């Protein structure tokens, strides 16, 4: 006998998985909390798996719960796609309708994701979306947990069932102020867990990172403004830099190139909406990432000690190899 999932149980699971609070989920479902608890218990008995961990600080999805959440999200998208095609969810000219969510790291959201998605949204007036700025260490979890449908990130998501599609290269350079004397030992990142500056120096030297003071600005554009004011140096994507920022690349460093990846859940039968979003981002993002608008003054600043020492070691090795 085939086991079937109750639509009421599945709907209750989806809401509870999103809210992770029985009281709030019951309120949204317009049922009592005991009734919701009973539905979830029956669902867990049906699938033979624990779907939620009841922790002191609240609920947390188990791995089985995450699998069911992805399944439910897939079914919801396919159901909406079917309705759109059957009863006119699309406009008379065949345009897309619906809603999707995308999270992106700060340097790609306004400069890459939004201009690319705008092409799709302008062509489909009944299509809407939610875009979210996420920290690099949070983005994959948001996709895995079903809080978003798509993400742009700087690293592969190795979770099974996630597609990784490279849509371009982010080219990063170390910048300093043109207008003000810059403290050469101060480097600016987004937050203490952000190790992008260290990764930049490791890409140059292979092993060494200079001693540095740290400053933090959560917004990437605020970070560039901080560099312009002489607060410190920072590693930023070239495609964000404009002449009015009055910054220059610090001489002596190679650009640090990082792949930009579009990620989403693998679907055996992708909806027309998913296909359209993926095709649009794959087509529109590369030229936006390739744009190099860094004009104006260029300085001949001296590279930091870590790079100079590494270059000296390389020269000594070459001389030693010749003797």
C-alpha atoms as a PDB file:
ATOM      1  CA  UNK A   1       0.000   0.000   0.000  1.00  0.00           C
ATOM      2  CA  UNK A   2       1.384   3.404  -1.030  1.00  0.00           C
ATOM      3  CA  UNK A   3       1.978   5.937   1.749  1.00  0.00           C
ATOM      4  CA  UNK A   4       0.498   9.333   0.958  1.00  0.00           C
ATOM      5  CA  UNK A   5       1.129  12.634   2.685  1.00  0.00           C
ATOM      6  CA  UNK A   6      -1.874  14.617   3.861  1.00  0.00           C
ATOM      7  CA  UNK A   7      -2.010  18.061   2.284  1.00  0.00           C
ATOM      8  CA  UNK A   8      -3.013  19.547   5.649  1.00  0.00           C
ATOM      9  CA  UNK A   9      -0.039  17.889   7.350  1.00  0.00           C
ATOM     10  CA  UNK A  10       2.316  19.050   4.600  1.00  0.00           C
ATOM     11  CA  UNK A  11       1.005  22.609   4.744  1.00  0.00           C
ATOM     12  CA  UNK A  12       1.411  22.606   8.530  1.00  0.00           C
ATOM     13  CA  UNK A  13       4.948  21.281   8.202  1.00  0.00           C
ATOM     14  CA  UNK A  14       5.907  23.986   5.656  1.00  0.00           C
ATOM     15  CA  UNK A  15       4.663  26.800   7.892  1.00  0.00           C
ATOM     16  CA  UNK A  16       6.265  25.359  11.039  1.00  0.00           C
ATOM     17  CA  UNK A  17       9.573  24.768   9.195  1.00  0.00           C
ATOM     18  CA  UNK A  18       9.578  28.438   8.224  1.00  0.00           C
ATOM     19  CA  UNK A  19       8.518  29.880  11.575  1.00  0.00           C
ATOM     20  CA  UNK A  20      10.136  27.288  13.909  1.00  0.00           C
ATOM     21  CA  UNK A  21       7.594  28.249  16.577  1.00  0.00           C
ATOM     22  CA  UNK A  22       4.429  26.239  17.252  1.00  0.00           C
ATOM     23  CA  UNK A  23       2.468  29.239  18.513  1.00  0.00           C
ATOM     24  CA  UNK A  24       3.236  31.469  15.547  1.00  0.00           C
ATOM     25  CA  UNK A  25       2.692  28.663  13.003  1.00  0.00           C
ATOM     26  CA  UNK A  26      -0.664  27.699  14.569  1.00  0.00           C
ATOM     27  CA  UNK A  27      -1.756  31.335  14.412  1.00  0.00           C
ATOM     28  CA  UNK A  28      -0.871  31.583  10.710  1.00  0.00           C
ATOM     29  CA  UNK A  29      -2.674  28.290   9.987  1.00  0.00           C
ATOM     30  CA  UNK A  30      -5.737  29.384  12.008  1.00  0.00           C
ATOM     31  CA  UNK A  31      -5.714  26.230  14.128  1.00  0.00           C
ATOM     32  CA  UNK A  32      -4.969  25.554  17.784  1.00  0.00           C
ATOM     33  CA  UNK A  33      -1.430  24.738  18.915  1.00  0.00           C
ATOM     34  CA  UNK A  34      -2.444  21.212  20.126  1.00  0.00           C
ATOM     35  CA  UNK A  35      -3.992  20.558  16.703  1.00  0.00           C
ATOM     36  CA  UNK A  36      -0.774  21.608  14.985  1.00  0.00           C
ATOM     37  CA  UNK A  37       1.287  19.435  17.332  1.00  0.00           C
ATOM     38  CA  UNK A  38      -0.935  16.454  16.501  1.00  0.00           C
ATOM     39  CA  UNK A  39      -0.587  17.046  12.744  1.00  0.00           C
ATOM     40  CA  UNK A  40       3.209  17.118  12.990  1.00  0.00           C
ATOM     41  CA  UNK A  41       3.259  13.980  15.144  1.00  0.00           C
ATOM     42  CA  UNK A  42       1.051  12.185  12.609  1.00  0.00           C
ATOM     43  CA  UNK A  43       3.293  13.340   9.776  1.00  0.00           C
ATOM     44  CA  UNK A  44       6.394  12.062  11.580  1.00  0.00           C
ATOM     45  CA  UNK A  45       4.658   8.712  12.107  1.00  0.00           C
ATOM     46  CA  UNK A  46       3.732   8.583   8.411  1.00  0.00           C
ATOM     47  CA  UNK A  47       7.276   9.190   7.158  1.00  0.00           C
ATOM     48  CA  UNK A  48       8.890   7.262  10.012  1.00  0.00           C
ATOM     49  CA  UNK A  49      11.329  10.082  10.725  1.00  0.00           C
ATOM     50  CA  UNK A  50      11.790  12.820  13.308  1.00  0.00           C
ATOM     51  CA  UNK A  51      11.411  16.097  11.434  1.00  0.00           C
ATOM     52  CA  UNK A  52      12.083  18.612  14.209  1.00  0.00           C
ATOM     53  CA  UNK A  53      14.482  18.681  17.144  1.00  0.00           C
ATOM     54  CA  UNK A  54      12.807  20.180  20.197  1.00  0.00           C
ATOM     55  CA  UNK A  55      15.664  22.189  21.724  1.00  0.00           C
ATOM     56  CA  UNK A  56      15.623  24.496  24.718  1.00  0.00           C
ATOM     57  CA  UNK A  57      16.112  27.531  22.476  1.00  0.00           C
ATOM     58  CA  UNK A  58      13.448  26.404  20.002  1.00  0.00           C
ATOM     59  CA  UNK A  59      12.820  24.080  17.079  1.00  0.00           C
ATOM     60  CA  UNK A  60      15.409  22.963  14.558  1.00  0.00           C
ATOM     61  CA  UNK A  61      14.927  20.918  11.413  1.00  0.00           C
ATOM     62  CA  UNK A  62      16.564  17.502  11.271  1.00  0.00           C
ATOM     63  CA  UNK A  63      18.240  16.338   8.067  1.00  0.00           C
ATOM     64  CA  UNK A  64      15.041  14.433   7.226  1.00  0.00           C
ATOM     65  CA  UNK A  65      13.118  17.639   7.869  1.00  0.00           C
ATOM     66  CA  UNK A  66      15.339  19.514   5.426  1.00  0.00           C
ATOM     67  CA  UNK A  67      14.734  16.856   2.764  1.00  0.00           C
ATOM     68  CA  UNK A  68      10.973  17.141   3.245  1.00  0.00           C
ATOM     69  CA  UNK A  69      11.215  20.938   3.166  1.00  0.00           C
ATOM     70  CA  UNK A  70      12.975  20.829  -0.209  1.00  0.00           C
ATOM     71  CA  UNK A  71      10.343  18.392  -1.486  1.00  0.00           C
ATOM     72  CA  UNK A  72       7.527  20.636  -0.311  1.00  0.00           C
ATOM     73  CA  UNK A  73       9.120  23.695  -1.937  1.00  0.00           C
ATOM     74  CA  UNK A  74       9.489  21.775  -5.213  1.00  0.00           C
ATOM     75  CA  UNK A  75       5.856  20.637  -5.141  1.00  0.00           C
ATOM     76  CA  UNK A  76       4.651  24.178  -4.405  1.00  0.00           C
ATOM     77  CA  UNK A  77       6.594  25.588  -7.362  1.00  0.00           C
ATOM     78  CA  UNK A  78       5.359  22.885  -9.731  1.00  0.00           C
ATOM     79  CA  UNK A  79       1.791  23.350  -8.519  1.00  0.00           C
ATOM     80  CA  UNK A  80       1.990  27.106  -9.134  1.00  0.00           C
ATOM     81  CA  UNK A  81       3.485  26.477 -12.564  1.00  0.00           C
ATOM     82  CA  UNK A  82       0.608  24.129 -13.401  1.00  0.00           C
ATOM     83  CA  UNK A  83      -2.006  26.616 -12.212  1.00  0.00           C
ATOM     84  CA  UNK A  84      -0.360  29.412 -14.196  1.00  0.00           C
ATOM     85  CA  UNK A  85      -0.549  27.328 -17.364  1.00  0.00           C
ATOM     86  CA  UNK A  86      -4.060  25.950 -16.816  1.00  0.00           C
ATOM     87  CA  UNK A  87      -6.061  28.898 -15.552  1.00  0.00           C
ATOM     88  CA  UNK A  88      -4.235  31.884 -16.897  1.00  0.00           C
ATOM     89  CA  UNK A  89      -1.731  32.706 -14.167  1.00  0.00           C
ATOM     90  CA  UNK A  90       0.224  34.254 -16.994  1.00  0.00           C
ATOM     91  CA  UNK A  91      -0.836  37.408 -18.733  1.00  0.00           C
ATOM     92  CA  UNK A  92      -2.426  37.299 -22.174  1.00  0.00           C
ATOM     93  CA  UNK A  93       0.911  37.733 -23.917  1.00  0.00           C
ATOM     94  CA  UNK A  94       2.363  34.698 -22.109  1.00  0.00           C
ATOM     95  CA  UNK A  95       4.480  36.588 -19.604  1.00  0.00           C
ATOM     96  CA  UNK A  96       5.552  34.937 -16.360  1.00  0.00           C
ATOM     97  CA  UNK A  97       3.739  35.448 -13.082  1.00  0.00           C
ATOM     98  CA  UNK A  98       4.737  34.452  -9.552  1.00  0.00           C
ATOM     99  CA  UNK A  99       7.243  35.202  -6.812  1.00  0.00           C
ATOM    100  CA  UNK A 100      10.806  34.113  -6.023  1.00  0.00           C
ATOM    101  CA  UNK A 101      13.499  34.922  -3.447  1.00  0.00           C
ATOM    102  CA  UNK A 102      17.217  35.468  -4.007  1.00  0.00           C
ATOM    103  CA  UNK A 103      20.046  36.115  -1.559  1.00  0.00           C
ATOM    104  CA  UNK A 104      23.416  37.534  -2.641  1.00  0.00           C
ATOM    105  CA  UNK A 105      26.633  38.711  -1.013  1.00  0.00           C
ATOM    106  CA  UNK A 106      26.900  42.471  -0.614  1.00  0.00           C
ATOM    107  CA  UNK A 107      29.166  43.346  -3.543  1.00  0.00           C
ATOM    108  CA  UNK A 108      26.925  41.540  -6.045  1.00  0.00           C
ATOM    109  CA  UNK A 109      23.416  42.429  -4.865  1.00  0.00           C
ATOM    110  CA  UNK A 110      23.016  46.026  -6.098  1.00  0.00           C
ATOM    111  CA  UNK A 111      25.641  45.942  -8.834  1.00  0.00           C
ATOM    112  CA  UNK A 112      24.949  42.544 -10.441  1.00  0.00           C
ATOM    113  CA  UNK A 113      21.827  40.737  -9.191  1.00  0.00           C
ATOM    114  CA  UNK A 114      19.397  43.673  -9.312  1.00  0.00           C
ATOM    115  CA  UNK A 115      20.337  44.956 -12.811  1.00  0.00           C
ATOM    116  CA  UNK A 116      20.174  41.398 -14.147  1.00  0.00           C
ATOM    117  CA  UNK A 117      16.815  40.599 -12.530  1.00  0.00           C
ATOM    118  CA  UNK A 118      15.411  43.958 -13.628  1.00  0.00           C
ATOM    119  CA  UNK A 119      15.577  42.714 -17.223  1.00  0.00           C
ATOM    120  CA  UNK A 120      13.323  39.783 -16.304  1.00  0.00           C
ATOM    121  CA  UNK A 121      10.981  41.806 -14.086  1.00  0.00           C
ATOM    122  CA  UNK A 122      10.435  44.575 -16.638  1.00  0.00           C
ATOM    123  CA  UNK A 123       9.525  41.973 -19.254  1.00  0.00           C
ATOM    124  CA  UNK A 124       7.086  40.248 -16.883  1.00  0.00           C
ATOM    125  CA  UNK A 125       4.956  42.838 -15.044  1.00  0.00           C
ATOM    126  CA  UNK A 126       3.173  40.195 -12.913  1.00  0.00           C
ATOM    127  CA  UNK A 127       6.415  38.660 -11.654  1.00  0.00           C
ATOM    128  CA  UNK A 128       7.759  39.792  -8.261  1.00  0.00           C
ATOM    129  CA  UNK A 129      10.690  38.895  -6.072  1.00  0.00           C
ATOM    130  CA  UNK A 130      12.445  39.450  -2.755  1.00  0.00           C
ATOM    131  CA  UNK A 131      16.187  40.145  -2.795  1.00  0.00           C
ATOM    132  CA  UNK A 132      18.229  39.807   0.392  1.00  0.00           C
ATOM    133  CA  UNK A 133      21.776  40.827   1.281  1.00  0.00           C
ATOM    134  CA  UNK A 134      23.445  37.952   3.123  1.00  0.00           C
ATOM    135  CA  UNK A 135      26.797  37.423   4.797  1.00  0.00           C
ATOM    136  CA  UNK A 136      28.988  34.949   2.929  1.00  0.00           C
ATOM    137  CA  UNK A 137      28.843  32.423   5.782  1.00  0.00           C
ATOM    138  CA  UNK A 138      25.008  32.543   5.894  1.00  0.00           C
ATOM    139  CA  UNK A 139      24.064  32.299   2.227  1.00  0.00           C
ATOM    140  CA  UNK A 140      24.262  28.537   1.737  1.00  0.00           C
ATOM    141  CA  UNK A 141      22.261  27.822   4.900  1.00  0.00           C
ATOM    142  CA  UNK A 142      19.495  30.131   3.685  1.00  0.00           C
ATOM    143  CA  UNK A 143      19.237  28.144   0.449  1.00  0.00           C
ATOM    144  CA  UNK A 144      19.466  24.742   2.141  1.00  0.00           C
ATOM    145  CA  UNK A 145      16.809  25.708   4.697  1.00  0.00           C
ATOM    146  CA  UNK A 146      14.404  26.830   1.981  1.00  0.00           C
ATOM    147  CA  UNK A 147      14.380  30.487   3.045  1.00  0.00           C
ATOM    148  CA  UNK A 148      15.373  31.489  -0.504  1.00  0.00           C
ATOM    149  CA  UNK A 149      15.056  29.940  -3.960  1.00  0.00           C
ATOM    150  CA  UNK A 150      18.343  31.159  -5.454  1.00  0.00           C
ATOM    151  CA  UNK A 151      21.648  32.476  -4.152  1.00  0.00           C
ATOM    152  CA  UNK A 152      24.764  34.143  -5.498  1.00  0.00           C
ATOM    153  CA  UNK A 153      27.878  33.170  -3.590  1.00  0.00           C
ATOM    154  CA  UNK A 154      31.670  33.050  -3.839  1.00  0.00           C
ATOM    155  CA  UNK A 155      32.086  29.357  -2.981  1.00  0.00           C
ATOM    156  CA  UNK A 156      30.598  26.058  -4.064  1.00  0.00           C
ATOM    157  CA  UNK A 157      27.779  24.558  -2.044  1.00  0.00           C
ATOM    158  CA  UNK A 158      28.686  20.904  -1.618  1.00  0.00           C
ATOM    159  CA  UNK A 159      25.292  19.817  -0.312  1.00  0.00           C
ATOM    160  CA  UNK A 160      23.655  17.099  -2.408  1.00  0.00           C
ATOM    161  CA  UNK A 161      20.800  18.389  -4.525  1.00  0.00           C
ATOM    162  CA  UNK A 162      22.239  21.885  -5.025  1.00  0.00           C
ATOM    163  CA  UNK A 163      23.200  23.074  -8.509  1.00  0.00           C
ATOM    164  CA  UNK A 164      26.337  25.247  -8.819  1.00  0.00           C
ATOM    165  CA  UNK A 165      26.504  27.346 -11.999  1.00  0.00           C
ATOM    166  CA  UNK A 166      29.387  29.751 -12.503  1.00  0.00           C
ATOM    167  CA  UNK A 167      28.119  33.070 -13.864  1.00  0.00           C
ATOM    168  CA  UNK A 168      31.332  35.067 -13.896  1.00  0.00           C
ATOM    169  CA  UNK A 169      34.480  36.148 -12.101  1.00  0.00           C
ATOM    170  CA  UNK A 170      34.719  38.858  -9.447  1.00  0.00           C
ATOM    171  CA  UNK A 171      38.035  40.705  -9.872  1.00  0.00           C
ATOM    172  CA  UNK A 172      39.227  42.252  -6.601  1.00  0.00           C
ATOM    173  CA  UNK A 173      41.972  44.813  -6.013  1.00  0.00           C
ATOM    174  CA  UNK A 174      43.478  46.487  -2.956  1.00  0.00           C
ATOM    175  CA  UNK A 175      42.546  50.183  -2.871  1.00  0.00           C
ATOM    176  CA  UNK A 176      43.515  53.287  -0.907  1.00  0.00           C
ATOM    177  CA  UNK A 177      42.444  56.931  -0.837  1.00  0.00           C
ATOM    178  CA  UNK A 178      43.621  59.463  -3.394  1.00  0.00           C
ATOM    179  CA  UNK A 179      42.589  62.451  -1.269  1.00  0.00           C
ATOM    180  CA  UNK A 180      43.984  61.475   2.138  1.00  0.00           C
ATOM    181  CA  UNK A 181      47.098  59.852   3.540  1.00  0.00           C
ATOM    182  CA  UNK A 182      46.069  56.286   4.371  1.00  0.00           C
ATOM    183  CA  UNK A 183      47.164  54.302   7.390  1.00  0.00           C
ATOM    184  CA  UNK A 184      48.960  51.469   5.542  1.00  0.00           C
ATOM    185  CA  UNK A 185      48.511  48.965   8.385  1.00  0.00           C
ATOM    186  CA  UNK A 186      44.720  49.358   8.698  1.00  0.00           C
ATOM    187  CA  UNK A 187      42.483  47.102   6.595  1.00  0.00           C
ATOM    188  CA  UNK A 188      38.715  47.250   6.374  1.00  0.00           C
ATOM    189  CA  UNK A 189      36.325  44.280   6.087  1.00  0.00           C
ATOM    190  CA  UNK A 190      32.612  43.704   6.687  1.00  0.00           C
ATOM    191  CA  UNK A 191      32.817  42.034  10.099  1.00  0.00           C
ATOM    192  CA  UNK A 192      35.307  40.134  12.311  1.00  0.00           C
ATOM    193  CA  UNK A 193      34.446  36.784  10.660  1.00  0.00           C
ATOM    194  CA  UNK A 194      35.153  38.196   7.195  1.00  0.00           C
ATOM    195  CA  UNK A 195      38.549  36.818   6.109  1.00  0.00           C
ATOM    196  CA  UNK A 196      38.563  38.185   2.564  1.00  0.00           C
ATOM    197  CA  UNK A 197      41.578  40.455   3.154  1.00  0.00           C
ATOM    198  CA  UNK A 198      43.598  37.525   4.481  1.00  0.00           C
ATOM    199  CA  UNK A 199      42.612  35.479   1.428  1.00  0.00           C
ATOM    200  CA  UNK A 200      43.772  38.322  -0.815  1.00  0.00           C
ATOM    201  CA  UNK A 201      47.241  38.390   0.755  1.00  0.00           C
ATOM    202  CA  UNK A 202      47.527  34.603   0.714  1.00  0.00           C
ATOM    203  CA  UNK A 203      46.773  34.690  -3.017  1.00  0.00           C
ATOM    204  CA  UNK A 204      49.755  37.058  -3.428  1.00  0.00           C
ATOM    205  CA  UNK A 205      52.334  35.400  -1.199  1.00  0.00           C
ATOM    206  CA  UNK A 206      51.130  31.843  -0.800  1.00  0.00           C
ATOM    207  CA  UNK A 207      51.826  31.820   2.925  1.00  0.00           C
ATOM    208  CA  UNK A 208      52.102  35.202   4.636  1.00  0.00           C
ATOM    209  CA  UNK A 209      49.594  37.796   5.828  1.00  0.00           C
ATOM    210  CA  UNK A 210      50.768  41.194   7.149  1.00  0.00           C
ATOM    211  CA  UNK A 211      50.057  42.291  10.693  1.00  0.00           C
ATOM    212  CA  UNK A 212      47.139  44.667  10.532  1.00  0.00           C
ATOM    213  CA  UNK A 213      44.709  46.844  12.390  1.00  0.00           C
ATOM    214  CA  UNK A 214      41.105  46.003  11.564  1.00  0.00           C
ATOM    215  CA  UNK A 215      38.110  48.223  10.884  1.00  0.00           C
ATOM    216  CA  UNK A 216      34.643  47.110   9.810  1.00  0.00           C
ATOM    217  CA  UNK A 217      31.824  48.499   7.666  1.00  0.00           C
ATOM    218  CA  UNK A 218      28.865  46.217   7.010  1.00  0.00           C
ATOM    219  CA  UNK A 219      27.877  47.859   3.727  1.00  0.00           C
ATOM    220  CA  UNK A 220      30.254  47.412   0.779  1.00  0.00           C
ATOM    221  CA  UNK A 221      29.610  50.973  -0.424  1.00  0.00           C
ATOM    222  CA  UNK A 222      30.247  52.305   3.072  1.00  0.00           C
ATOM    223  CA  UNK A 223      33.485  50.348   3.040  1.00  0.00           C
ATOM    224  CA  UNK A 224      34.600  52.097  -0.168  1.00  0.00           C
ATOM    225  CA  UNK A 225      33.618  55.461   1.357  1.00  0.00           C
ATOM    226  CA  UNK A 226      35.751  54.634   4.410  1.00  0.00           C
ATOM    227  CA  UNK A 227      38.741  53.993   2.145  1.00  0.00           C
ATOM    228  CA  UNK A 228      38.086  57.278   0.345  1.00  0.00           C
ATOM    229  CA  UNK A 229      38.224  59.065   3.722  1.00  0.00           C
ATOM    230  CA  UNK A 230      41.661  57.580   4.473  1.00  0.00           C
ATOM    231  CA  UNK A 231      40.496  55.261   7.275  1.00  0.00           C
ATOM    232  CA  UNK A 232      42.344  52.316   5.776  1.00  0.00           C
ATOM    233  CA  UNK A 233      42.821  50.088   2.775  1.00  0.00           C
ATOM    234  CA  UNK A 234      40.367  47.456   1.549  1.00  0.00           C
ATOM    235  CA  UNK A 235      40.032  44.695  -1.009  1.00  0.00           C
ATOM    236  CA  UNK A 236      37.030  45.430  -3.244  1.00  0.00           C
ATOM    237  CA  UNK A 237      35.673  44.342  -6.650  1.00  0.00           C
ATOM    238  CA  UNK A 238      36.813  46.491  -9.557  1.00  0.00           C
ATOM    239  CA  UNK A 239      33.312  46.662 -11.009  1.00  0.00           C
ATOM    240  CA  UNK A 240      32.086  48.688  -7.998  1.00  0.00           C
ATOM    241  CA  UNK A 241      34.656  51.466  -8.226  1.00  0.00           C
ATOM    242  CA  UNK A 242      33.685  54.805  -9.777  1.00  0.00           C
ATOM    243  CA  UNK A 243      35.779  57.935 -10.455  1.00  0.00           C
ATOM    244  CA  UNK A 244      33.856  59.877  -7.797  1.00  0.00           C
ATOM    245  CA  UNK A 245      35.071  57.470  -5.106  1.00  0.00           C
ATOM    246  CA  UNK A 246      38.575  58.991  -5.421  1.00  0.00           C
ATOM    247  CA  UNK A 247      40.453  55.783  -4.686  1.00  0.00           C
ATOM    248  CA  UNK A 248      43.287  54.031  -6.483  1.00  0.00           C
ATOM    249  CA  UNK A 249      44.671  50.527  -6.687  1.00  0.00           C
ATOM    250  CA  UNK A 250      47.713  49.931  -4.492  1.00  0.00           C
ATOM    251  CA  UNK A 251      50.644  49.111  -6.758  1.00  0.00           C
ATOM    252  CA  UNK A 252      52.476  45.800  -6.500  1.00  0.00           C
ATOM    253  CA  UNK A 253      49.507  43.434  -6.185  1.00  0.00           C
ATOM    254  CA  UNK A 254      47.835  41.106  -8.632  1.00  0.00           C
ATOM    255  CA  UNK A 255      44.023  41.185  -8.876  1.00  0.00           C
ATOM    256  CA  UNK A 256      42.390  38.483  -6.755  1.00  0.00           C
ATOM    257  CA  UNK A 257      39.873  36.672  -8.936  1.00  0.00           C
ATOM    258  CA  UNK A 258      37.041  34.678  -7.367  1.00  0.00           C
ATOM    259  CA  UNK A 259      34.316  32.725  -9.213  1.00  0.00           C
ATOM    260  CA  UNK A 260      30.736  33.926  -8.700  1.00  0.00           C
ATOM    261  CA  UNK A 261      28.255  31.061  -8.487  1.00  0.00           C
ATOM    262  CA  UNK A 262      24.501  30.879  -8.947  1.00  0.00           C
ATOM    263  CA  UNK A 263      23.014  28.138  -6.755  1.00  0.00           C
ATOM    264  CA  UNK A 264      19.560  26.593  -6.513  1.00  0.00           C
ATOM    265  CA  UNK A 265      17.900  23.287  -5.688  1.00  0.00           C
ATOM    266  CA  UNK A 266      18.013  20.647  -8.420  1.00  0.00           C
ATOM    267  CA  UNK A 267      14.503  19.951  -9.702  1.00  0.00           C
ATOM    268  CA  UNK A 268      13.624  16.896 -11.833  1.00  0.00           C
ATOM    269  CA  UNK A 269      11.052  19.082 -13.606  1.00  0.00           C
ATOM    270  CA  UNK A 270      12.139  22.744 -13.357  1.00  0.00           C
ATOM    271  CA  UNK A 271       9.310  25.239 -13.509  1.00  0.00           C
ATOM    272  CA  UNK A 272       9.186  27.891 -16.210  1.00  0.00           C
ATOM    273  CA  UNK A 273       9.902  30.480 -13.513  1.00  0.00           C
ATOM    274  CA  UNK A 274      13.042  28.697 -12.321  1.00  0.00           C
ATOM    275  CA  UNK A 275      14.291  28.271 -15.874  1.00  0.00           C
ATOM    276  CA  UNK A 276      13.678  31.946 -16.640  1.00  0.00           C
ATOM    277  CA  UNK A 277      15.527  33.177 -13.526  1.00  0.00           C
ATOM    278  CA  UNK A 278      18.516  30.911 -14.177  1.00  0.00           C
ATOM    279  CA  UNK A 279      18.705  31.789 -17.875  1.00  0.00           C
ATOM    280  CA  UNK A 280      18.472  35.510 -17.129  1.00  0.00           C
ATOM    281  CA  UNK A 281      21.208  35.500 -14.482  1.00  0.00           C
ATOM    282  CA  UNK A 282      23.520  33.327 -16.600  1.00  0.00           C
ATOM    283  CA  UNK A 283      23.087  35.706 -19.534  1.00  0.00           C
ATOM    284  CA  UNK A 284      23.038  39.101 -17.803  1.00  0.00           C
ATOM    285  CA  UNK A 285      25.533  38.756 -14.929  1.00  0.00           C
ATOM    286  CA  UNK A 286      28.848  38.121 -16.748  1.00  0.00           C
ATOM    287  CA  UNK A 287      29.038  41.521 -18.513  1.00  0.00           C
ATOM    288  CA  UNK A 288      28.132  43.286 -15.262  1.00  0.00           C
ATOM    289  CA  UNK A 289      30.963  41.501 -13.444  1.00  0.00           C
ATOM    290  CA  UNK A 290      33.422  42.175 -16.259  1.00  0.00           C
ATOM    291  CA  UNK A 291      32.807  45.925 -16.218  1.00  0.00           C
ATOM    292  CA  UNK A 292      35.962  47.810 -15.243  1.00  0.00           C
ATOM    293  CA  UNK A 293      35.168  51.427 -14.431  1.00  0.00           C
ATOM    294  CA  UNK A 294      38.284  52.186 -12.435  1.00  0.00           C
ATOM    295  CA  UNK A 295      39.449  55.473 -13.918  1.00  0.00           C
ATOM    296  CA  UNK A 296      41.171  58.609 -12.696  1.00  0.00           C
ATOM    297  CA  UNK A 297      44.413  58.908 -10.745  1.00  0.00           C
ATOM    298  CA  UNK A 298      46.638  55.926 -10.255  1.00  0.00           C
ATOM    299  CA  UNK A 299      49.289  55.915  -7.602  1.00  0.00           C
ATOM    300  CA  UNK A 300      52.574  54.098  -7.249  1.00  0.00           C
ATOM    301  CA  UNK A 301      52.053  53.047  -3.655  1.00  0.00           C
ATOM    302  CA  UNK A 302      54.539  50.713  -2.029  1.00  0.00           C
ATOM    303  CA  UNK A 303      53.444  47.130  -1.446  1.00  0.00           C
ATOM    304  CA  UNK A 304      53.216  45.847   2.121  1.00  0.00           C
ATOM    305  CA  UNK A 305      56.093  44.110   3.890  1.00  0.00           C
ATOM    306  CA  UNK A 306      54.569  40.635   3.550  1.00  0.00           C
ATOM    307  CA  UNK A 307      54.572  40.824  -0.238  1.00  0.00           C
ATOM    308  CA  UNK A 308      58.038  42.394  -0.406  1.00  0.00           C
ATOM    309  CA  UNK A 309      59.490  39.647   1.796  1.00  0.00           C
ATOM    310  CA  UNK A 310      57.850  36.944  -0.314  1.00  0.00           C
ATOM    311  CA  UNK A 311      59.269  38.496  -3.477  1.00  0.00           C
ATOM    312  CA  UNK A 312      62.744  38.583  -1.923  1.00  0.00           C
ATOM    313  CA  UNK A 313      62.472  34.909  -0.988  1.00  0.00           C
ATOM    314  CA  UNK A 314      61.464  34.043  -4.534  1.00  0.00           C
ATOM    315  CA  UNK A 315      64.440  35.963  -5.937  1.00  0.00           C
ATOM    316  CA  UNK A 316      66.810  34.173  -3.544  1.00  0.00           C
ATOM    317  CA  UNK A 317      65.401  30.797  -4.599  1.00  0.00           C
ATOM    318  CA  UNK A 318      65.877  31.655  -8.261  1.00  0.00           C
ATOM    319  CA  UNK A 319      69.469  32.742  -7.630  1.00  0.00           C
ATOM    320  CA  UNK A 320      70.130  29.597  -5.605  1.00  0.00           C
ATOM    321  CA  UNK A 321      68.747  27.463  -8.419  1.00  0.00           C
ATOM    322  CA  UNK A 322      71.134  29.014 -10.930  1.00  0.00           C
ATOM    323  CA  UNK A 323      74.241  28.258  -8.838  1.00  0.00           C
END
